[in-house]
N, C-alpha and C. Protein backbone atom coordinates (compact mmCIF):
# COMPACT_ATOMS: atom_id res chain seq x y z
N MET A 1 0.84 -1.20 0.00
CA MET A 1 0.00 0.00 0.00
C MET A 1 0.88 1.25 0.00
N LYS A 2 0.62 2.17 -0.92
CA LYS A 2 1.43 3.37 -1.06
C LYS A 2 1.15 4.35 0.07
N LYS A 3 2.24 4.84 0.70
CA LYS A 3 2.09 5.75 1.83
C LYS A 3 1.90 7.17 1.35
N SER A 4 1.12 7.95 2.13
CA SER A 4 0.94 9.36 1.83
C SER A 4 2.20 10.12 2.21
N LYS A 5 2.30 11.35 1.73
CA LYS A 5 3.47 12.16 2.03
C LYS A 5 3.66 12.39 3.53
N PRO A 6 2.59 12.71 4.31
CA PRO A 6 2.77 12.87 5.76
C PRO A 6 3.31 11.62 6.44
N LEU A 7 2.84 10.42 6.01
CA LEU A 7 3.33 9.18 6.62
C LEU A 7 4.79 8.95 6.27
N LYS A 8 5.17 9.26 5.03
CA LYS A 8 6.57 9.14 4.65
C LYS A 8 7.43 10.09 5.48
N ALA A 9 6.90 11.27 5.74
CA ALA A 9 7.63 12.25 6.54
C ALA A 9 7.85 11.73 7.95
N ILE A 10 6.83 11.08 8.51
CA ILE A 10 6.96 10.52 9.87
C ILE A 10 8.05 9.45 9.90
N ASP A 11 8.09 8.60 8.85
CA ASP A 11 9.14 7.58 8.78
C ASP A 11 10.52 8.23 8.73
N SER A 12 10.64 9.30 7.95
CA SER A 12 11.93 9.99 7.83
C SER A 12 12.34 10.61 9.17
N ILE A 13 11.36 11.18 9.87
CA ILE A 13 11.65 11.78 11.17
C ILE A 13 12.14 10.73 12.16
N ILE A 14 11.50 9.56 12.16
CA ILE A 14 11.90 8.49 13.07
C ILE A 14 13.34 8.07 12.79
N MET A 15 13.68 7.93 11.49
CA MET A 15 15.04 7.54 11.12
C MET A 15 16.05 8.59 11.57
N LEU A 16 15.70 9.86 11.37
CA LEU A 16 16.60 10.93 11.78
C LEU A 16 16.78 10.98 13.30
N MET A 17 15.67 10.71 14.02
CA MET A 17 15.76 10.71 15.49
C MET A 17 16.65 9.56 15.98
N ILE A 18 16.59 8.42 15.30
CA ILE A 18 17.46 7.29 15.66
C ILE A 18 18.92 7.68 15.44
N LEU A 19 19.17 8.35 14.30
CA LEU A 19 20.53 8.81 14.02
C LEU A 19 21.01 9.81 15.06
N MET A 20 20.08 10.72 15.44
CA MET A 20 20.43 11.71 16.47
C MET A 20 20.78 11.03 17.79
N ALA A 21 20.01 10.01 18.15
CA ALA A 21 20.28 9.28 19.39
C ALA A 21 21.65 8.60 19.32
N PHE A 22 21.95 8.05 18.15
CA PHE A 22 23.25 7.39 17.97
C PHE A 22 24.39 8.40 18.12
N PHE A 23 24.26 9.54 17.45
CA PHE A 23 25.31 10.54 17.52
C PHE A 23 25.43 11.15 18.93
N TYR A 24 24.27 11.27 19.61
CA TYR A 24 24.31 11.80 20.98
C TYR A 24 25.07 10.85 21.90
N ALA A 25 24.79 9.56 21.71
CA ALA A 25 25.51 8.56 22.52
C ALA A 25 27.00 8.63 22.23
N ALA A 26 27.33 8.81 20.95
CA ALA A 26 28.74 8.93 20.58
C ALA A 26 29.35 10.20 21.17
N LEU A 27 28.53 11.28 21.20
CA LEU A 27 29.01 12.53 21.76
C LEU A 27 29.36 12.39 23.23
N VAL A 28 28.49 11.68 23.97
CA VAL A 28 28.74 11.45 25.40
C VAL A 28 30.01 10.63 25.58
N PHE A 29 30.15 9.63 24.73
CA PHE A 29 31.30 8.74 24.84
C PHE A 29 32.60 9.46 24.50
N LEU A 30 32.52 10.36 23.52
CA LEU A 30 33.72 11.03 23.04
C LEU A 30 33.88 12.44 23.60
N SER A 31 33.10 12.77 24.60
CA SER A 31 33.18 14.12 25.16
C SER A 31 34.59 14.41 25.62
N GLY A 32 35.03 15.61 25.33
CA GLY A 32 36.38 15.99 25.70
C GLY A 32 37.39 15.74 24.60
N THR A 33 36.96 15.15 23.48
CA THR A 33 37.86 14.90 22.35
C THR A 33 37.52 15.83 21.20
N ASP A 34 38.34 15.84 20.16
CA ASP A 34 38.10 16.70 18.99
C ASP A 34 36.86 16.26 18.21
N TYR A 35 36.45 14.99 18.36
CA TYR A 35 35.30 14.49 17.61
C TYR A 35 33.98 15.06 18.15
N ALA A 36 34.00 15.53 19.36
CA ALA A 36 32.77 16.01 19.98
C ALA A 36 32.17 17.18 19.20
N ASN A 37 32.99 18.14 18.80
CA ASN A 37 32.50 19.29 18.04
C ASN A 37 31.90 18.86 16.70
N LEU A 38 32.52 17.89 16.07
CA LEU A 38 32.01 17.39 14.80
C LEU A 38 30.64 16.76 14.96
N ILE A 39 30.50 15.95 16.00
CA ILE A 39 29.23 15.28 16.24
C ILE A 39 28.15 16.30 16.59
N GLN A 40 28.52 17.33 17.35
CA GLN A 40 27.54 18.38 17.67
C GLN A 40 27.05 19.06 16.39
N GLY A 41 27.95 19.28 15.46
CA GLY A 41 27.55 19.87 14.18
C GLY A 41 26.60 18.97 13.42
N VAL A 42 26.89 17.66 13.43
CA VAL A 42 26.00 16.70 12.75
C VAL A 42 24.62 16.70 13.39
N LEU A 43 24.59 16.76 14.73
CA LEU A 43 23.30 16.79 15.43
C LEU A 43 22.50 18.03 15.04
N GLY A 44 23.17 19.16 14.90
CA GLY A 44 22.48 20.38 14.50
C GLY A 44 21.88 20.26 13.11
N ILE A 45 22.64 19.63 12.18
CA ILE A 45 22.13 19.43 10.82
C ILE A 45 20.93 18.51 10.82
N LEU A 46 21.01 17.42 11.59
CA LEU A 46 19.88 16.49 11.67
C LEU A 46 18.64 17.16 12.24
N ALA A 47 18.82 18.01 13.26
CA ALA A 47 17.68 18.72 13.86
C ALA A 47 17.05 19.66 12.83
N ALA A 48 17.89 20.32 12.04
CA ALA A 48 17.36 21.21 11.00
C ALA A 48 16.58 20.43 9.95
N LEU A 49 17.09 19.25 9.57
CA LEU A 49 16.40 18.41 8.59
C LEU A 49 15.04 17.96 9.11
N ILE A 50 14.98 17.61 10.39
CA ILE A 50 13.69 17.21 10.98
C ILE A 50 12.69 18.36 10.91
N GLY A 51 13.17 19.56 11.22
CA GLY A 51 12.28 20.73 11.14
C GLY A 51 11.76 20.96 9.74
N LEU A 52 12.62 20.81 8.73
CA LEU A 52 12.19 21.00 7.34
C LEU A 52 11.19 19.94 6.91
N ILE A 53 11.41 18.70 7.33
CA ILE A 53 10.48 17.62 6.97
C ILE A 53 9.11 17.86 7.59
N ILE A 54 9.10 18.25 8.86
CA ILE A 54 7.82 18.53 9.53
C ILE A 54 7.09 19.67 8.86
N LEU A 55 7.82 20.74 8.53
CA LEU A 55 7.21 21.90 7.86
C LEU A 55 6.64 21.52 6.51
N SER A 56 7.39 20.72 5.75
CA SER A 56 6.93 20.29 4.43
C SER A 56 5.68 19.43 4.52
N ALA A 57 5.66 18.52 5.49
CA ALA A 57 4.52 17.61 5.65
C ALA A 57 3.24 18.37 5.99
N PHE A 58 3.34 19.30 6.95
CA PHE A 58 2.15 20.04 7.37
C PHE A 58 1.71 21.04 6.30
N SER A 59 2.66 21.60 5.54
CA SER A 59 2.29 22.51 4.45
C SER A 59 1.52 21.76 3.39
N ASP A 60 1.96 20.54 3.09
CA ASP A 60 1.28 19.72 2.09
C ASP A 60 -0.12 19.36 2.54
N MET A 61 -0.28 19.04 3.83
CA MET A 61 -1.60 18.70 4.37
C MET A 61 -2.53 19.91 4.31
N LYS A 62 -1.98 21.09 4.58
CA LYS A 62 -2.79 22.32 4.56
C LYS A 62 -3.31 22.62 3.17
N VAL A 63 -2.44 22.42 2.16
CA VAL A 63 -2.85 22.66 0.78
C VAL A 63 -3.95 21.69 0.36
N LYS A 64 -3.79 20.41 0.75
CA LYS A 64 -4.76 19.40 0.36
C LYS A 64 -6.11 19.61 1.03
N LYS A 65 -6.13 20.25 2.19
CA LYS A 65 -7.39 20.44 2.91
C LYS A 65 -8.26 21.52 2.27
N ARG A 66 -7.66 22.41 1.46
CA ARG A 66 -8.43 23.49 0.87
C ARG A 66 -9.25 22.97 -0.31
N PRO A 67 -10.56 22.94 -0.18
CA PRO A 67 -11.39 22.45 -1.29
C PRO A 67 -11.51 23.49 -2.39
N ARG A 68 -11.74 23.03 -3.60
CA ARG A 68 -12.00 23.95 -4.70
C ARG A 68 -13.32 24.66 -4.44
N LYS A 69 -13.34 25.95 -4.72
CA LYS A 69 -14.55 26.74 -4.50
C LYS A 69 -15.28 26.94 -5.82
N VAL A 70 -16.57 26.61 -5.81
CA VAL A 70 -17.37 26.66 -7.03
C VAL A 70 -18.55 27.61 -6.81
N PHE A 71 -18.59 28.67 -7.60
CA PHE A 71 -19.61 29.70 -7.48
C PHE A 71 -20.75 29.42 -8.46
N ILE A 72 -21.98 29.50 -7.98
CA ILE A 72 -23.15 29.30 -8.85
C ILE A 72 -23.69 30.66 -9.27
N LEU A 73 -23.63 30.91 -10.58
CA LEU A 73 -24.14 32.16 -11.15
C LEU A 73 -25.45 31.85 -11.85
N TYR A 74 -26.51 32.57 -11.46
CA TYR A 74 -27.84 32.23 -11.98
C TYR A 74 -28.77 33.43 -11.88
N SER A 75 -29.95 33.27 -12.45
CA SER A 75 -30.99 34.28 -12.33
C SER A 75 -31.97 33.85 -11.24
N GLU A 76 -32.50 34.81 -10.50
CA GLU A 76 -33.40 34.51 -9.39
C GLU A 76 -34.62 33.69 -9.83
N GLU A 77 -35.04 33.86 -11.08
CA GLU A 77 -36.20 33.11 -11.57
C GLU A 77 -35.93 31.60 -11.63
N ASP A 78 -34.67 31.21 -11.60
CA ASP A 78 -34.31 29.79 -11.67
C ASP A 78 -33.94 29.24 -10.28
N LEU A 79 -34.47 29.87 -9.25
CA LEU A 79 -34.11 29.52 -7.88
C LEU A 79 -34.43 28.06 -7.54
N ASP A 80 -35.56 27.55 -7.99
CA ASP A 80 -35.94 26.17 -7.67
C ASP A 80 -34.91 25.17 -8.21
N PHE A 81 -34.50 25.39 -9.46
CA PHE A 81 -33.48 24.50 -10.03
C PHE A 81 -32.17 24.61 -9.28
N VAL A 82 -31.74 25.83 -8.98
CA VAL A 82 -30.46 26.05 -8.31
C VAL A 82 -30.46 25.43 -6.92
N SER A 83 -31.59 25.50 -6.23
CA SER A 83 -31.71 24.89 -4.91
C SER A 83 -31.49 23.38 -5.00
N LYS A 84 -32.09 22.77 -6.00
CA LYS A 84 -31.92 21.33 -6.20
C LYS A 84 -30.47 21.00 -6.57
N LEU A 85 -29.89 21.82 -7.43
CA LEU A 85 -28.50 21.59 -7.85
C LEU A 85 -27.55 21.74 -6.67
N TYR A 86 -27.79 22.74 -5.85
CA TYR A 86 -26.93 22.99 -4.68
C TYR A 86 -26.95 21.78 -3.74
N LYS A 87 -28.12 21.24 -3.48
CA LYS A 87 -28.24 20.09 -2.59
C LYS A 87 -27.50 18.88 -3.17
N ALA A 88 -27.57 18.72 -4.49
CA ALA A 88 -26.88 17.59 -5.13
C ALA A 88 -25.36 17.76 -5.06
N LEU A 89 -24.89 18.99 -5.22
CA LEU A 89 -23.45 19.25 -5.23
C LEU A 89 -22.84 19.25 -3.83
N LYS A 90 -23.67 19.35 -2.80
CA LYS A 90 -23.17 19.39 -1.43
C LYS A 90 -22.46 18.10 -1.04
N VAL A 91 -22.75 17.00 -1.72
CA VAL A 91 -22.12 15.73 -1.39
C VAL A 91 -20.75 15.59 -2.06
N THR A 92 -20.39 16.54 -2.92
CA THR A 92 -19.09 16.51 -3.58
C THR A 92 -18.03 17.11 -2.64
N PRO A 93 -16.75 16.88 -2.92
CA PRO A 93 -15.70 17.42 -2.03
C PRO A 93 -15.38 18.89 -2.29
N TYR A 94 -16.27 19.61 -2.97
CA TYR A 94 -16.00 21.00 -3.31
C TYR A 94 -16.80 21.94 -2.41
N ARG A 95 -16.33 23.16 -2.28
CA ARG A 95 -17.04 24.19 -1.51
C ARG A 95 -17.95 24.92 -2.49
N ILE A 96 -19.25 24.70 -2.36
CA ILE A 96 -20.22 25.30 -3.27
C ILE A 96 -20.65 26.66 -2.73
N LEU A 97 -20.42 27.71 -3.52
CA LEU A 97 -20.74 29.07 -3.10
C LEU A 97 -22.06 29.50 -3.74
N TRP A 98 -23.12 29.50 -2.93
CA TRP A 98 -24.45 29.91 -3.37
C TRP A 98 -24.84 31.13 -2.55
N ASP A 99 -25.26 32.19 -3.22
CA ASP A 99 -25.53 33.44 -2.51
C ASP A 99 -26.53 33.27 -1.37
N ARG A 100 -27.50 32.37 -1.53
CA ARG A 100 -28.52 32.17 -0.49
C ARG A 100 -27.91 31.61 0.80
N LYS A 101 -26.75 30.97 0.69
CA LYS A 101 -26.09 30.41 1.86
C LYS A 101 -24.94 31.28 2.34
N GLU A 102 -24.37 32.07 1.45
CA GLU A 102 -23.18 32.85 1.78
C GLU A 102 -23.51 34.24 2.34
N ILE A 103 -24.61 34.83 1.87
CA ILE A 103 -24.97 36.19 2.30
C ILE A 103 -25.79 36.12 3.59
N LYS A 104 -25.27 36.75 4.64
CA LYS A 104 -25.93 36.73 5.94
C LYS A 104 -26.63 38.06 6.20
N VAL A 105 -27.51 38.05 7.19
CA VAL A 105 -28.22 39.27 7.57
C VAL A 105 -27.21 40.34 7.97
N GLY A 106 -27.34 41.51 7.39
CA GLY A 106 -26.43 42.60 7.69
C GLY A 106 -25.30 42.75 6.69
N ASP A 107 -25.10 41.74 5.82
CA ASP A 107 -24.05 41.82 4.81
C ASP A 107 -24.46 42.77 3.69
N ASN A 108 -23.47 43.41 3.10
CA ASN A 108 -23.69 44.18 1.88
C ASN A 108 -23.80 43.17 0.73
N ILE A 109 -24.95 43.11 0.08
CA ILE A 109 -25.21 42.07 -0.90
C ILE A 109 -24.23 42.11 -2.06
N MET A 110 -24.06 43.27 -2.67
CA MET A 110 -23.20 43.38 -3.84
C MET A 110 -21.74 43.10 -3.49
N GLU A 111 -21.29 43.61 -2.35
CA GLU A 111 -19.90 43.39 -1.94
C GLU A 111 -19.65 41.91 -1.64
N THR A 112 -20.62 41.26 -1.01
CA THR A 112 -20.47 39.84 -0.69
C THR A 112 -20.47 39.00 -1.96
N LEU A 113 -21.35 39.32 -2.89
CA LEU A 113 -21.39 38.61 -4.17
C LEU A 113 -20.06 38.74 -4.91
N GLU A 114 -19.51 39.95 -4.90
CA GLU A 114 -18.23 40.18 -5.58
C GLU A 114 -17.11 39.41 -4.90
N ARG A 115 -17.16 39.35 -3.56
CA ARG A 115 -16.12 38.64 -2.81
C ARG A 115 -16.13 37.16 -3.10
N ILE A 116 -17.32 36.53 -3.05
CA ILE A 116 -17.37 35.08 -3.26
C ILE A 116 -17.07 34.72 -4.71
N LEU A 117 -17.40 35.62 -5.64
CA LEU A 117 -17.03 35.38 -7.03
C LEU A 117 -15.52 35.44 -7.18
N ASN A 118 -14.90 36.43 -6.54
CA ASN A 118 -13.44 36.57 -6.62
C ASN A 118 -12.73 35.38 -5.98
N GLU A 119 -13.32 34.80 -4.93
CA GLU A 119 -12.69 33.69 -4.21
C GLU A 119 -12.85 32.36 -4.94
N SER A 120 -13.77 32.29 -5.87
CA SER A 120 -14.10 31.02 -6.51
C SER A 120 -13.01 30.56 -7.47
N ASP A 121 -12.92 29.24 -7.66
CA ASP A 121 -12.02 28.66 -8.65
C ASP A 121 -12.76 28.40 -9.96
N ASP A 122 -13.99 27.91 -9.83
CA ASP A 122 -14.84 27.61 -10.99
C ASP A 122 -16.17 28.34 -10.86
N VAL A 123 -16.82 28.58 -11.99
CA VAL A 123 -18.12 29.24 -11.99
C VAL A 123 -19.11 28.40 -12.78
N ILE A 124 -20.16 27.94 -12.10
CA ILE A 124 -21.27 27.27 -12.78
C ILE A 124 -22.25 28.34 -13.22
N PHE A 125 -22.44 28.47 -14.52
CA PHE A 125 -23.36 29.47 -15.04
C PHE A 125 -24.63 28.77 -15.52
N VAL A 126 -25.74 29.00 -14.81
CA VAL A 126 -27.02 28.39 -15.15
C VAL A 126 -27.64 29.17 -16.31
N VAL A 127 -27.68 28.54 -17.47
CA VAL A 127 -28.17 29.20 -18.69
C VAL A 127 -29.66 28.92 -18.86
N SER A 128 -30.43 29.99 -18.92
CA SER A 128 -31.86 29.89 -19.14
C SER A 128 -32.33 31.15 -19.85
N LYS A 129 -33.58 31.20 -20.19
CA LYS A 129 -34.11 32.41 -20.84
C LYS A 129 -34.02 33.61 -19.89
N HIS A 130 -34.02 33.33 -18.60
CA HIS A 130 -33.95 34.41 -17.62
C HIS A 130 -32.53 34.96 -17.51
N SER A 131 -31.55 34.08 -17.34
CA SER A 131 -30.16 34.54 -17.20
C SER A 131 -29.63 35.12 -18.50
N ALA A 132 -30.13 34.61 -19.63
CA ALA A 132 -29.69 35.11 -20.93
C ALA A 132 -30.11 36.56 -21.14
N GLU A 133 -31.20 36.96 -20.47
CA GLU A 133 -31.71 38.33 -20.62
C GLU A 133 -31.29 39.23 -19.46
N SER A 134 -30.55 38.68 -18.50
CA SER A 134 -30.17 39.43 -17.31
C SER A 134 -28.84 40.15 -17.52
N ASP A 135 -28.87 41.47 -17.43
CA ASP A 135 -27.63 42.25 -17.55
C ASP A 135 -26.69 41.95 -16.38
N GLU A 136 -27.27 41.73 -15.20
CA GLU A 136 -26.45 41.44 -14.01
C GLU A 136 -25.69 40.13 -14.18
N SER A 137 -26.37 39.11 -14.72
CA SER A 137 -25.72 37.83 -14.95
C SER A 137 -24.61 37.96 -15.98
N LYS A 138 -24.88 38.73 -17.03
CA LYS A 138 -23.88 38.92 -18.08
C LYS A 138 -22.64 39.64 -17.54
N MET A 139 -22.87 40.62 -16.67
CA MET A 139 -21.74 41.35 -16.09
C MET A 139 -20.89 40.44 -15.21
N SER A 140 -21.56 39.60 -14.40
CA SER A 140 -20.82 38.67 -13.53
C SER A 140 -20.08 37.63 -14.36
N LEU A 141 -20.70 37.18 -15.44
CA LEU A 141 -20.05 36.22 -16.33
C LEU A 141 -18.81 36.83 -16.97
N GLU A 142 -18.92 38.07 -17.42
CA GLU A 142 -17.79 38.76 -18.04
C GLU A 142 -16.65 38.94 -17.02
N LYS A 143 -17.01 39.26 -15.78
CA LYS A 143 -16.00 39.43 -14.74
C LYS A 143 -15.28 38.12 -14.47
N ALA A 144 -16.02 37.02 -14.44
CA ALA A 144 -15.41 35.70 -14.22
C ALA A 144 -14.46 35.34 -15.36
N ARG A 145 -14.87 35.66 -16.58
CA ARG A 145 -14.00 35.38 -17.74
C ARG A 145 -12.74 36.23 -17.69
N ASN A 146 -12.87 37.47 -17.29
CA ASN A 146 -11.70 38.35 -17.19
C ASN A 146 -10.71 37.88 -16.12
N GLN A 147 -11.23 37.16 -15.12
CA GLN A 147 -10.37 36.63 -14.05
C GLN A 147 -9.86 35.24 -14.38
N ASN A 148 -10.12 34.79 -15.63
CA ASN A 148 -9.65 33.49 -16.10
C ASN A 148 -10.17 32.32 -15.27
N LYS A 149 -11.39 32.46 -14.78
CA LYS A 149 -12.01 31.36 -14.05
C LYS A 149 -12.59 30.37 -15.05
N ARG A 150 -12.65 29.13 -14.64
CA ARG A 150 -13.22 28.11 -15.51
C ARG A 150 -14.74 28.23 -15.47
N ILE A 151 -15.35 28.39 -16.64
CA ILE A 151 -16.80 28.53 -16.74
C ILE A 151 -17.41 27.18 -17.10
N LEU A 152 -18.39 26.76 -16.31
CA LEU A 152 -19.10 25.50 -16.54
C LEU A 152 -20.57 25.81 -16.83
N PRO A 153 -20.94 25.95 -18.12
CA PRO A 153 -22.34 26.26 -18.44
C PRO A 153 -23.27 25.10 -18.11
N VAL A 154 -24.43 25.43 -17.58
CA VAL A 154 -25.46 24.45 -17.25
C VAL A 154 -26.74 24.89 -17.97
N LEU A 155 -27.17 24.12 -18.95
CA LEU A 155 -28.32 24.50 -19.76
C LEU A 155 -29.58 23.83 -19.23
N ILE A 156 -30.60 24.64 -18.88
CA ILE A 156 -31.82 24.07 -18.28
C ILE A 156 -33.06 24.28 -19.14
N ASP A 157 -32.95 25.03 -20.24
CA ASP A 157 -34.07 25.15 -21.17
C ASP A 157 -33.49 25.29 -22.58
N ASP A 158 -34.33 25.64 -23.53
CA ASP A 158 -33.89 25.67 -24.92
C ASP A 158 -33.31 27.02 -25.35
N SER A 159 -32.80 27.76 -24.39
CA SER A 159 -32.18 29.03 -24.72
C SER A 159 -30.85 28.80 -25.42
N GLU A 160 -30.42 29.80 -26.18
CA GLU A 160 -29.10 29.74 -26.80
C GLU A 160 -28.06 30.26 -25.82
N LEU A 161 -26.91 29.61 -25.80
CA LEU A 161 -25.85 30.06 -24.91
C LEU A 161 -25.39 31.46 -25.31
N PRO A 162 -25.03 32.29 -24.33
CA PRO A 162 -24.48 33.61 -24.65
C PRO A 162 -23.28 33.48 -25.58
N GLU A 163 -23.11 34.47 -26.43
CA GLU A 163 -22.03 34.42 -27.42
C GLU A 163 -20.67 34.18 -26.80
N GLU A 164 -20.44 34.73 -25.60
CA GLU A 164 -19.13 34.63 -24.95
C GLU A 164 -18.73 33.19 -24.60
N ILE A 165 -19.71 32.30 -24.44
CA ILE A 165 -19.39 30.93 -24.01
C ILE A 165 -19.95 29.88 -24.97
N GLN A 166 -20.22 30.28 -26.19
CA GLN A 166 -20.79 29.33 -27.15
C GLN A 166 -19.82 28.23 -27.56
N GLU A 167 -18.54 28.45 -27.35
CA GLU A 167 -17.56 27.43 -27.70
C GLU A 167 -17.19 26.54 -26.52
N ILE A 168 -17.91 26.70 -25.42
CA ILE A 168 -17.65 25.87 -24.23
C ILE A 168 -18.74 24.82 -24.12
N MET A 169 -18.34 23.58 -23.95
CA MET A 169 -19.32 22.50 -23.81
C MET A 169 -20.13 22.67 -22.54
N PHE A 170 -21.44 22.46 -22.63
CA PHE A 170 -22.32 22.65 -21.47
C PHE A 170 -22.82 21.32 -20.92
N ALA A 171 -23.28 21.35 -19.67
CA ALA A 171 -23.97 20.21 -19.07
C ALA A 171 -25.45 20.37 -19.39
N ASP A 172 -26.03 19.37 -20.01
CA ASP A 172 -27.41 19.46 -20.50
C ASP A 172 -28.39 18.87 -19.47
N PHE A 173 -29.16 19.75 -18.84
CA PHE A 173 -30.15 19.35 -17.85
C PHE A 173 -31.57 19.35 -18.42
N ARG A 174 -31.73 19.58 -19.70
CA ARG A 174 -33.06 19.79 -20.26
C ARG A 174 -33.95 18.55 -20.19
N GLU A 175 -33.38 17.39 -20.44
CA GLU A 175 -34.18 16.17 -20.45
C GLU A 175 -34.04 15.35 -19.18
N SER A 176 -32.87 15.45 -18.54
CA SER A 176 -32.63 14.64 -17.35
C SER A 176 -31.72 15.39 -16.37
N PHE A 177 -32.21 15.60 -15.17
CA PHE A 177 -31.38 16.24 -14.15
C PHE A 177 -30.18 15.37 -13.82
N ASP A 178 -30.39 14.07 -13.71
CA ASP A 178 -29.31 13.16 -13.34
C ASP A 178 -28.19 13.16 -14.38
N ASP A 179 -28.58 13.09 -15.67
CA ASP A 179 -27.56 13.08 -16.72
C ASP A 179 -26.75 14.37 -16.70
N GLY A 180 -27.43 15.49 -16.54
CA GLY A 180 -26.74 16.77 -16.48
C GLY A 180 -25.83 16.86 -15.26
N TYR A 181 -26.33 16.36 -14.14
CA TYR A 181 -25.55 16.41 -12.90
C TYR A 181 -24.27 15.59 -13.00
N PHE A 182 -24.37 14.38 -13.54
CA PHE A 182 -23.19 13.53 -13.64
C PHE A 182 -22.14 14.11 -14.58
N SER A 183 -22.57 14.73 -15.67
CA SER A 183 -21.61 15.35 -16.58
C SER A 183 -20.95 16.57 -15.92
N LEU A 184 -21.72 17.31 -15.12
CA LEU A 184 -21.16 18.45 -14.40
C LEU A 184 -20.19 17.99 -13.32
N ARG A 185 -20.57 16.95 -12.60
CA ARG A 185 -19.70 16.43 -11.54
C ARG A 185 -18.38 15.94 -12.12
N ASP A 186 -18.43 15.28 -13.28
CA ASP A 186 -17.20 14.81 -13.92
C ASP A 186 -16.31 15.98 -14.31
N ALA A 187 -16.93 17.06 -14.79
CA ALA A 187 -16.15 18.24 -15.18
C ALA A 187 -15.47 18.88 -13.97
N LEU A 188 -16.13 18.84 -12.83
CA LEU A 188 -15.56 19.43 -11.62
C LEU A 188 -14.36 18.65 -11.10
N LYS A 189 -14.21 17.41 -11.53
CA LYS A 189 -13.10 16.59 -11.06
C LYS A 189 -11.77 17.07 -11.62
N THR A 190 -11.82 17.78 -12.73
CA THR A 190 -10.57 18.27 -13.31
C THR A 190 -10.08 19.45 -12.50
N THR A 191 -8.79 19.69 -12.53
CA THR A 191 -8.20 20.75 -11.71
C THR A 191 -7.73 21.94 -12.53
N SER A 192 -7.93 21.89 -13.86
CA SER A 192 -7.47 22.99 -14.70
C SER A 192 -8.28 24.24 -14.45
N GLN A 193 -7.62 25.40 -14.45
CA GLN A 193 -8.30 26.68 -14.30
C GLN A 193 -8.75 27.23 -15.65
N GLN A 194 -8.37 26.54 -16.72
CA GLN A 194 -8.68 27.04 -18.05
C GLN A 194 -10.02 26.49 -18.53
N ASN A 195 -10.72 27.25 -19.35
CA ASN A 195 -11.95 26.77 -19.95
C ASN A 195 -11.65 25.63 -20.91
N LYS A 196 -12.46 24.60 -20.89
CA LYS A 196 -12.30 23.49 -21.81
C LYS A 196 -13.06 23.83 -23.09
N GLN A 197 -12.34 24.05 -24.15
CA GLN A 197 -12.93 24.46 -25.41
C GLN A 197 -13.34 23.23 -26.21
N VAL A 198 -14.57 23.21 -26.68
CA VAL A 198 -15.08 22.13 -27.50
C VAL A 198 -15.77 22.74 -28.70
N ALA A 199 -15.55 22.17 -29.87
CA ALA A 199 -16.15 22.73 -31.08
C ALA A 199 -17.04 21.70 -31.76
N PRO A 200 -18.26 21.50 -31.24
CA PRO A 200 -19.19 20.57 -31.85
C PRO A 200 -19.76 21.16 -33.13
N PRO A 201 -20.46 20.36 -33.95
CA PRO A 201 -21.00 20.87 -35.21
C PRO A 201 -21.91 22.06 -35.04
N SER A 202 -22.72 22.06 -33.97
CA SER A 202 -23.63 23.19 -33.75
C SER A 202 -23.71 23.48 -32.28
N ARG A 203 -23.60 24.77 -31.89
CA ARG A 203 -23.65 25.15 -30.50
C ARG A 203 -25.00 25.72 -30.12
N LYS A 204 -25.95 25.71 -31.02
CA LYS A 204 -27.28 26.27 -30.73
C LYS A 204 -28.14 25.21 -30.07
N ALA A 205 -28.88 25.62 -29.06
CA ALA A 205 -29.78 24.68 -28.38
C ALA A 205 -30.94 24.34 -29.31
N ALA A 206 -31.47 23.13 -29.16
CA ALA A 206 -32.60 22.74 -30.00
C ALA A 206 -33.80 23.60 -29.70
N SER A 207 -34.49 23.98 -30.73
CA SER A 207 -35.67 24.82 -30.54
C SER A 207 -36.91 23.97 -30.43
């Protein structure tokens, strides 16, 4: 069974501590001789190595604990769908940023929305006739694109995708929520920050 980096670090620390014990015993035995200073230097190097290994192990654990943040961009008219999508995505290992959960009483709505958008790694854009006509949604989408965030379009009706994202493959929820969800979940598994460009024969939704 392959060991994780923290476990490997613990093994390395144990080995170094054994070496330190050996050199310490030698230092006691050779105290008062010229070798004592040399062994003290070796002990100092070993102690420094242990510190670096511990720091590296905990830094790696800290990075791994940070989940990817996924912001849901949508129109208020599609709230029922977004609520269902949010509940489905909650079981994934990602931090789902939904304004209904992130904005608390007393918060400045626009400032909070801008903050969670800025903090996000990926943006799920719910495409519908409502969001396609929303200037606010278009502005947020443009801001996400300017920040080089990965855009994941989610199509829930027969609207045409906005021109800015017509070359990006979408998750199709029109006929089956489950099929759309699984394709979206698979897309979230990737770690690239870049938009995945796909050029199918036609990018227009069926009318």
